PDB file of N, CA and C in Angstrom:
ATOM      1  N   MET A   1     -49.200  -8.428 -25.063  1.00  0.00           N
ATOM      2  CA  MET A   1     -49.422  -9.264 -23.894  1.00  0.00           C
ATOM      3  C   MET A   1     -50.184  -8.450 -22.854  1.00  0.00           C
ATOM      4  N   PRO A   2     -51.159  -9.047 -22.169  1.00  0.00           N
ATOM      5  CA  PRO A   2     -51.897  -8.313 -21.141  1.00  0.00           C
ATOM      6  C   PRO A   2     -50.991  -7.948 -19.963  1.00  0.00           C
ATOM      7  N   LYS A   3     -51.336  -6.853 -19.308  1.00  0.00           N
ATOM      8  CA  LYS A   3     -50.578  -6.398 -18.139  1.00  0.00           C
ATOM      9  C   LYS A   3     -50.795  -7.374 -16.983  1.00  0.00           C
ATOM     10  N   LEU A   4     -49.705  -7.806 -16.361  1.00  0.00           N
ATOM     11  CA  LEU A   4     -49.792  -8.715 -15.219  1.00  0.00           C
ATOM     12  C   LEU A   4     -50.155  -7.936 -13.963  1.00  0.00           C
ATOM     13  N   ARG A   5     -50.813  -8.587 -13.030  1.00  0.00           N
ATOM     14  CA  ARG A   5     -51.218  -7.937 -11.778  1.00  0.00           C
ATOM     15  C   ARG A   5     -50.044  -7.710 -10.841  1.00  0.00           C
ATOM     16  N   ILE A   6     -49.029  -8.541 -10.945  1.00  0.00           N
ATOM     17  CA  ILE A   6     -47.849  -8.411 -10.091  1.00  0.00           C
ATOM     18  C   ILE A   6     -46.781  -7.679 -10.889  1.00  0.00           C
ATOM     19  N   GLY A   7     -46.329  -6.566 -10.376  1.00  0.00           N
ATOM     20  CA  GLY A   7     -45.299  -5.790 -11.061  1.00  0.00           C
ATOM     21  C   GLY A   7     -43.954  -5.985 -10.396  1.00  0.00           C
ATOM     22  N   ALA A   8     -43.194  -4.921 -10.312  1.00  0.00           N
ATOM     23  CA  ALA A   8     -41.876  -4.970  -9.692  1.00  0.00           C
ATOM     24  C   ALA A   8     -42.009  -5.369  -8.222  1.00  0.00           C
ATOM     25  N   LEU A   9     -41.063  -6.151  -7.755  1.00  0.00           N
ATOM     26  CA  LEU A   9     -41.083  -6.610  -6.371  1.00  0.00           C
ATOM     27  C   LEU A   9     -40.316  -5.630  -5.492  1.00  0.00           C
ATOM     28  N   LEU A  10     -40.909  -5.269  -4.376  1.00  0.00           N
ATOM     29  CA  LEU A  10     -40.257  -4.375  -3.430  1.00  0.00           C
ATOM     30  C   LEU A  10     -39.268  -5.155  -2.580  1.00  0.00           C
ATOM     31  N   ASP A  11     -38.188  -4.506  -2.214  1.00  0.00           N
ATOM     32  CA  ASP A  11     -37.207  -5.129  -1.332  1.00  0.00           C
ATOM     33  C   ASP A  11     -37.602  -4.792   0.099  1.00  0.00           C
ATOM     34  N   ASP A  12     -38.156  -5.758   0.816  1.00  0.00           N
ATOM     35  CA  ASP A  12     -38.656  -5.551   2.163  1.00  0.00           C
ATOM     36  C   ASP A  12     -38.073  -6.627   3.061  1.00  0.00           C
ATOM     37  N   LYS A  13     -38.015  -6.357   4.356  1.00  0.00           N
ATOM     38  CA  LYS A  13     -37.487  -7.347   5.295  1.00  0.00           C
ATOM     39  C   LYS A  13     -38.457  -8.527   5.365  1.00  0.00           C
ATOM     40  N   PRO A  14     -38.009  -9.708   4.959  1.00  0.00           N
ATOM     41  CA  PRO A  14     -38.911 -10.856   4.899  1.00  0.00           C
ATOM     42  C   PRO A  14     -39.084 -11.566   6.236  1.00  0.00           C
ATOM     43  N   VAL A  15     -40.164 -12.306   6.325  1.00  0.00           N
ATOM     44  CA  VAL A  15     -40.428 -13.219   7.431  1.00  0.00           C
ATOM     45  C   VAL A  15     -40.473 -14.603   6.803  1.00  0.00           C
ATOM     46  N   LYS A  16     -39.704 -15.528   7.324  1.00  0.00           N
ATOM     47  CA  LYS A  16     -39.601 -16.868   6.735  1.00  0.00           C
ATOM     48  C   LYS A  16     -40.845 -17.684   7.060  1.00  0.00           C
ATOM     49  N   VAL A  17     -41.449 -18.246   6.015  1.00  0.00           N
ATOM     50  CA  VAL A  17     -42.597 -19.128   6.136  1.00  0.00           C
ATOM     51  C   VAL A  17     -42.325 -20.332   5.242  1.00  0.00           C
ATOM     52  N   THR A  18     -42.517 -21.517   5.781  1.00  0.00           N
ATOM     53  CA  THR A  18     -42.325 -22.727   4.994  1.00  0.00           C
ATOM     54  C   THR A  18     -43.685 -23.359   4.747  1.00  0.00           C
ATOM     55  N   THR A  19     -43.939 -23.714   3.484  1.00  0.00           N
ATOM     56  CA  THR A  19     -45.213 -24.323   3.131  1.00  0.00           C
ATOM     57  C   THR A  19     -45.010 -25.272   1.960  1.00  0.00           C
ATOM     58  N   GLU A  20     -45.984 -26.106   1.733  1.00  0.00           N
ATOM     59  CA  GLU A  20     -45.956 -27.000   0.581  1.00  0.00           C
ATOM     60  C   GLU A  20     -47.024 -26.551  -0.397  1.00  0.00           C
ATOM     61  N   LEU A  21     -46.694 -26.610  -1.680  1.00  0.00           N
ATOM     62  CA  LEU A  21     -47.641 -26.250  -2.735  1.00  0.00           C
ATOM     63  C   LEU A  21     -47.981 -27.496  -3.537  1.00  0.00           C
ATOM     64  N   PRO A  22     -49.216 -27.598  -3.979  1.00  0.00           N
ATOM     65  CA  PRO A  22     -49.532 -28.670  -4.919  1.00  0.00           C
ATOM     66  C   PRO A  22     -48.684 -28.488  -6.185  1.00  0.00           C
ATOM     67  N   ALA A  23     -48.328 -29.596  -6.832  1.00  0.00           N
ATOM     68  CA  ALA A  23     -47.469 -29.538  -8.016  1.00  0.00           C
ATOM     69  C   ALA A  23     -48.048 -28.625  -9.094  1.00  0.00           C
ATOM     70  N   ALA A  24     -49.356 -28.663  -9.301  1.00  0.00           N
ATOM     71  CA  ALA A  24     -49.980 -27.831 -10.331  1.00  0.00           C
ATOM     72  C   ALA A  24     -49.831 -26.345 -10.004  1.00  0.00           C
ATOM     73  N   VAL A  25     -49.954 -25.998  -8.727  1.00  0.00           N
ATOM     74  CA  VAL A  25     -49.793 -24.595  -8.324  1.00  0.00           C
ATOM     75  C   VAL A  25     -48.345 -24.166  -8.543  1.00  0.00           C
ATOM     76  N   HIS A  26     -47.402 -25.043  -8.222  1.00  0.00           N
ATOM     77  CA  HIS A  26     -45.992 -24.718  -8.429  1.00  0.00           C
ATOM     78  C   HIS A  26     -45.688 -24.524  -9.916  1.00  0.00           C
ATOM     79  N   ARG A  27     -46.228 -25.375 -10.762  1.00  0.00           N
ATOM     80  CA  ARG A  27     -46.018 -25.222 -12.207  1.00  0.00           C
ATOM     81  C   ARG A  27     -46.570 -23.878 -12.685  1.00  0.00           C
ATOM     82  N   ASP A  28     -47.738 -23.514 -12.200  1.00  0.00           N
ATOM     83  CA  ASP A  28     -48.326 -22.229 -12.581  1.00  0.00           C
ATOM     84  C   ASP A  28     -47.489 -21.066 -12.051  1.00  0.00           C
ATOM     85  N   LEU A  29     -46.955 -21.212 -10.865  1.00  0.00           N
ATOM     86  CA  LEU A  29     -46.113 -20.173 -10.274  1.00  0.00           C
ATOM     87  C   LEU A  29     -44.854 -19.978 -11.112  1.00  0.00           C
ATOM     88  N   VAL A  30     -44.247 -21.070 -11.545  1.00  0.00           N
ATOM     89  CA  VAL A  30     -43.063 -20.993 -12.401  1.00  0.00           C
ATOM     90  C   VAL A  30     -43.423 -20.337 -13.728  1.00  0.00           C
ATOM     91  N   ALA A  31     -44.560 -20.703 -14.311  1.00  0.00           N
ATOM     92  CA  ALA A  31     -45.003 -20.094 -15.560  1.00  0.00           C
ATOM     93  C   ALA A  31     -45.259 -18.597 -15.374  1.00  0.00           C
ATOM     94  N   TYR A  32     -45.833 -18.218 -14.234  1.00  0.00           N
ATOM     95  CA  TYR A  32     -46.091 -16.807 -13.957  1.00  0.00           C
ATOM     96  C   TYR A  32     -44.761 -16.058 -13.829  1.00  0.00           C
ATOM     97  N   ALA A  33     -43.791 -16.659 -13.145  1.00  0.00           N
ATOM     98  CA  ALA A  33     -42.474 -16.034 -13.006  1.00  0.00           C
ATOM     99  C   ALA A  33     -41.835 -15.840 -14.378  1.00  0.00           C
ATOM    100  N   ASP A  34     -42.003 -16.805 -15.264  1.00  0.00           N
ATOM    101  CA  ASP A  34     -41.487 -16.663 -16.629  1.00  0.00           C
ATOM    102  C   ASP A  34     -42.164 -15.495 -17.339  1.00  0.00           C
ATOM    103  N   ALA A  35     -43.474 -15.358 -17.166  1.00  0.00           N
ATOM    104  CA  ALA A  35     -44.207 -14.255 -17.795  1.00  0.00           C
ATOM    105  C   ALA A  35     -43.747 -12.909 -17.243  1.00  0.00           C
ATOM    106  N   VAL A  36     -43.537 -12.839 -15.930  1.00  0.00           N
ATOM    107  CA  VAL A  36     -43.043 -11.596 -15.315  1.00  0.00           C
ATOM    108  C   VAL A  36     -41.653 -11.276 -15.861  1.00  0.00           C
ATOM    109  N   ALA A  37     -40.816 -12.294 -15.993  1.00  0.00           N
ATOM    110  CA  ALA A  37     -39.459 -12.089 -16.508  1.00  0.00           C
ATOM    111  C   ALA A  37     -39.495 -11.557 -17.937  1.00  0.00           C
ATOM    112  N   ARG A  38     -40.377 -12.097 -18.758  1.00  0.00           N
ATOM    113  CA  ARG A  38     -40.496 -11.607 -20.136  1.00  0.00           C
ATOM    114  C   ARG A  38     -40.982 -10.158 -20.164  1.00  0.00           C
ATOM    115  N   GLU A  39     -41.944  -9.833 -19.285  1.00  0.00           N
ATOM    116  CA  GLU A  39     -42.513  -8.481 -19.274  1.00  0.00           C
ATOM    117  C   GLU A  39     -41.547  -7.459 -18.691  1.00  0.00           C
ATOM    118  N   SER A  40     -40.833  -7.829 -17.629  1.00  0.00           N
ATOM    119  CA  SER A  40     -39.988  -6.862 -16.927  1.00  0.00           C
ATOM    120  C   SER A  40     -38.528  -6.917 -17.355  1.00  0.00           C
ATOM    121  N   GLY A  41     -38.132  -8.018 -17.994  1.00  0.00           N
ATOM    122  CA  GLY A  41     -36.733  -8.158 -18.391  1.00  0.00           C
ATOM    123  C   GLY A  41     -35.824  -8.578 -17.260  1.00  0.00           C
ATOM    124  N   GLN A  42     -36.394  -8.890 -16.109  1.00  0.00           N
ATOM    125  CA  GLN A  42     -35.573  -9.342 -14.981  1.00  0.00           C
ATOM    126  C   GLN A  42     -35.976 -10.753 -14.597  1.00  0.00           C
ATOM    127  N   SER A  43     -34.993 -11.565 -14.244  1.00  0.00           N
ATOM    128  CA  SER A  43     -35.254 -12.935 -13.822  1.00  0.00           C
ATOM    129  C   SER A  43     -35.877 -12.917 -12.427  1.00  0.00           C
ATOM    130  N   ILE A  44     -36.930 -13.714 -12.228  1.00  0.00           N
ATOM    131  CA  ILE A  44     -37.660 -13.729 -10.965  1.00  0.00           C
ATOM    132  C   ILE A  44     -37.659 -15.141 -10.402  1.00  0.00           C
ATOM    133  N   ASP A  45     -37.312 -15.261  -9.130  1.00  0.00           N
ATOM    134  CA  ASP A  45     -37.453 -16.529  -8.417  1.00  0.00           C
ATOM    135  C   ASP A  45     -38.949 -16.718  -8.160  1.00  0.00           C
ATOM    136  N   PRO A  46     -39.533 -17.820  -8.634  1.00  0.00           N
ATOM    137  CA  PRO A  46     -40.972 -18.014  -8.450  1.00  0.00           C
ATOM    138  C   PRO A  46     -41.434 -17.864  -7.001  1.00  0.00           C
ATOM    139  N   ALA A  47     -40.641 -18.290  -6.040  1.00  0.00           N
ATOM    140  CA  ALA A  47     -41.026 -18.178  -4.631  1.00  0.00           C
ATOM    141  C   ALA A  47     -41.207 -16.721  -4.206  1.00  0.00           C
ATOM    142  N   LYS A  48     -40.489 -15.806  -4.864  1.00  0.00           N
ATOM    143  CA  LYS A  48     -40.598 -14.375  -4.520  1.00  0.00           C
ATOM    144  C   LYS A  48     -41.943 -13.785  -4.941  1.00  0.00           C
ATOM    145  N   LEU A  49     -42.682 -14.505  -5.772  1.00  0.00           N
ATOM    146  CA  LEU A  49     -43.989 -14.015  -6.211  1.00  0.00           C
ATOM    147  C   LEU A  49     -45.101 -14.322  -5.213  1.00  0.00           C
ATOM    148  N   ILE A  50     -44.875 -15.277  -4.345  1.00  0.00           N
ATOM    149  CA  ILE A  50     -45.939 -15.723  -3.441  1.00  0.00           C
ATOM    150  C   ILE A  50     -46.439 -14.581  -2.557  1.00  0.00           C
ATOM    151  N   ALA A  51     -45.537 -13.843  -1.930  1.00  0.00           N
ATOM    152  CA  ALA A  51     -45.950 -12.759  -1.024  1.00  0.00           C
ATOM    153  C   ALA A  51     -46.739 -11.670  -1.749  1.00  0.00           C
ATOM    154  N   PRO A  52     -46.253 -11.135  -2.891  1.00  0.00           N
ATOM    155  CA  PRO A  52     -47.053 -10.102  -3.551  1.00  0.00           C
ATOM    156  C   PRO A  52     -48.386 -10.637  -4.074  1.00  0.00           C
ATOM    157  N   MET A  53     -48.425 -11.905  -4.459  1.00  0.00           N
ATOM    158  CA  MET A  53     -49.696 -12.484  -4.907  1.00  0.00           C
ATOM    159  C   MET A  53     -50.682 -12.571  -3.754  1.00  0.00           C
ATOM    160  N   LEU A  54     -50.203 -13.018  -2.597  1.00  0.00           N
ATOM    161  CA  LEU A  54     -51.083 -13.075  -1.424  1.00  0.00           C
ATOM    162  C   LEU A  54     -51.530 -11.680  -1.010  1.00  0.00           C
ATOM    163  N   ALA A  55     -50.602 -10.730  -1.031  1.00  0.00           N
ATOM    164  CA  ALA A  55     -50.944  -9.356  -0.659  1.00  0.00           C
ATOM    165  C   ALA A  55     -52.007  -8.793  -1.604  1.00  0.00           C
ATOM    166  N   ARG A  56     -51.834  -9.043  -2.898  1.00  0.00           N
ATOM    167  CA  ARG A  56     -52.809  -8.561  -3.884  1.00  0.00           C
ATOM    168  C   ARG A  56     -54.169  -9.209  -3.657  1.00  0.00           C
ATOM    169  N   PHE A  57     -54.154 -10.508  -3.406  1.00  0.00           N
ATOM    170  CA  PHE A  57     -55.397 -11.228  -3.151  1.00  0.00           C
ATOM    171  C   PHE A  57     -56.121 -10.631  -1.945  1.00  0.00           C
ATOM    172  N   MET A  58     -55.396 -10.433  -0.838  1.00  0.00           N
ATOM    173  CA  MET A  58     -56.033  -9.896   0.369  1.00  0.00           C
ATOM    174  C   MET A  58     -56.493  -8.454   0.170  1.00  0.00           C
ATOM    175  N   ALA A  59     -55.722  -7.675  -0.583  1.00  0.00           N
ATOM    176  CA  ALA A  59     -56.084  -6.276  -0.820  1.00  0.00           C
ATOM    177  C   ALA A  59     -57.351  -6.143  -1.652  1.00  0.00           C
ATOM    178  N   THR A  60     -57.648  -7.136  -2.480  1.00  0.00           N
ATOM    179  CA  THR A  60     -58.817  -7.042  -3.344  1.00  0.00           C
ATOM    180  C   THR A  60     -59.990  -7.900  -2.868  1.00  0.00           C
ATOM    181  N   ASP A  61     -59.853  -8.531  -1.717  1.00  0.00           N
ATOM    182  CA  ASP A  61     -60.927  -9.363  -1.156  1.00  0.00           C
ATOM    183  C   ASP A  61     -61.831  -8.466  -0.310  1.00  0.00           C
ATOM    184  N   ARG A  62     -62.992  -8.141  -0.829  1.00  0.00           N
ATOM    185  CA  ARG A  62     -63.892  -7.203  -0.146  1.00  0.00           C
ATOM    186  C   ARG A  62     -64.377  -7.738   1.194  1.00  0.00           C
ATOM    187  N   GLY A  63     -64.630  -9.033   1.272  1.00  0.00           N
ATOM    188  CA  GLY A  63     -65.067  -9.626   2.539  1.00  0.00           C
ATOM    189  C   GLY A  63     -63.996  -9.486   3.607  1.00  0.00           C
ATOM    190  N   PHE A  64     -62.746  -9.717   3.214  1.00  0.00           N
ATOM    191  CA  PHE A  64     -61.632  -9.562   4.152  1.00  0.00           C
ATOM    192  C   PHE A  64     -61.504  -8.103   4.589  1.00  0.00           C
ATOM    193  N   ALA A  65     -61.652  -7.188   3.643  1.00  0.00           N
ATOM    194  CA  ALA A  65     -61.554  -5.760   3.977  1.00  0.00           C
ATOM    195  C   ALA A  65     -62.624  -5.358   4.984  1.00  0.00           C
ATOM    196  N   ARG A  66     -63.856  -5.854   4.779  1.00  0.00           N
ATOM    197  CA  ARG A  66     -64.929  -5.557   5.739  1.00  0.00           C
ATOM    198  C   ARG A  66     -64.606  -6.114   7.111  1.00  0.00           C
ATOM    199  N   THR A  67     -64.156  -7.362   7.148  1.00  0.00           N
ATOM    200  CA  THR A  67     -63.807  -7.997   8.422  1.00  0.00           C
ATOM    201  C   THR A  67     -62.675  -7.235   9.100  1.00  0.00           C
ATOM    202  N   ARG A  68     -61.694  -6.847   8.324  1.00  0.00           N
ATOM    203  CA  ARG A  68     -60.549  -6.131   8.882  1.00  0.00           C
ATOM    204  C   ARG A  68     -60.964  -4.777   9.454  1.00  0.00           C
ATOM    205  N   ARG A  69     -61.833  -4.063   8.728  1.00  0.00           N
ATOM    206  CA  ARG A  69     -62.321  -2.767   9.232  1.00  0.00           C
ATOM    207  C   ARG A  69     -63.090  -2.957  10.536  1.00  0.00           C
ATOM    208  N   THR A  70     -63.916  -3.990  10.590  1.00  0.00           N
ATOM    209  CA  THR A  70     -64.717  -4.255  11.776  1.00  0.00           C
ATOM    210  C   THR A  70     -63.831  -4.619  12.965  1.00  0.00           C
ATOM    211  N   ASN A  71     -62.848  -5.458  12.741  1.00  0.00           N
ATOM    212  CA  ASN A  71     -61.975  -5.926  13.824  1.00  0.00           C
ATOM    213  C   ASN A  71     -60.919  -4.920  14.231  1.00  0.00           C
ATOM    214  N   HIS A  72     -60.641  -3.928  13.387  1.00  0.00           N
ATOM    215  CA  HIS A  72     -59.589  -2.959  13.678  1.00  0.00           C
ATOM    216  C   HIS A  72     -60.149  -1.549  13.862  1.00  0.00           C
ATOM    217  N   SER A  73     -61.427  -1.453  14.196  1.00  0.00           N
ATOM    218  CA  SER A  73     -61.972  -0.107  14.375  1.00  0.00           C
ATOM    219  C   SER A  73     -61.333   0.521  15.615  1.00  0.00           C
ATOM    220  N   PRO A  74     -61.021   1.816  15.538  1.00  0.00           N
ATOM    221  CA  PRO A  74     -60.346   2.479  16.658  1.00  0.00           C
ATOM    222  C   PRO A  74     -61.197   2.468  17.923  1.00  0.00           C
ATOM    223  N   ARG A  75     -60.520   2.265  19.034  1.00  0.00           N
ATOM    224  CA  ARG A  75     -61.215   2.332  20.333  1.00  0.00           C
ATOM    225  C   ARG A  75     -61.415   3.795  20.719  1.00  0.00           C
ATOM    226  N   ALA A  76     -62.309   4.038  21.640  1.00  0.00           N
ATOM    227  CA  ALA A  76     -62.576   5.396  22.093  1.00  0.00           C
ATOM    228  C   ALA A  76     -61.275   6.054  22.543  1.00  0.00           C
ATOM    229  N   GLY A  77     -61.016   7.249  22.032  1.00  0.00           N
ATOM    230  CA  GLY A  77     -59.838   7.993  22.449  1.00  0.00           C
ATOM    231  C   GLY A  77     -58.623   7.727  21.592  1.00  0.00           C
ATOM    232  N   GLU A  78     -58.600   6.645  20.812  1.00  0.00           N
ATOM    233  CA  GLU A  78     -57.455   6.362  19.956  1.00  0.00           C
ATOM    234  C   GLU A  78     -57.602   7.125  18.662  1.00  0.00           C
ATOM    235  N   GLY A  79     -56.484   7.540  18.105  1.00  0.00           N
ATOM    236  CA  GLY A  79     -56.504   8.221  16.833  1.00  0.00           C
ATOM    237  C   GLY A  79     -56.864   9.682  16.930  1.00  0.00           C
ATOM    238  N   ASP A  80     -57.163  10.164  18.120  1.00  0.00           N
ATOM    239  CA  ASP A  80     -57.459  11.587  18.287  1.00  0.00           C
ATOM    240  C   ASP A  80     -56.140  12.323  18.416  1.00  0.00           C
ATOM    241  N   GLY A  81     -55.910  13.248  17.534  1.00  0.00           N
ATOM    242  CA  GLY A  81     -54.742  13.903  17.410  1.00  0.00           C
ATOM    243  C   GLY A  81     -53.817  14.596  18.084  1.00  0.00           C
TER     244      GLY A  81
END
């Protein structure tokens, strides 16, 4: 089986967000959770995959990274040691 992009889930303090998913996306999310469970041997709540999937998506989006670097560039005097 190919290696999945989402691995073990970190235990981090969550922020509650409520959203609606299209039924097809939810079915795929459940299928992905099943695949993770088969690969890792641990049962996964499909909702717990949403955050790492979004994080992975944002981390690999080059346009977002460029925008983030531009918008978060240090101001004069900041970051000097």
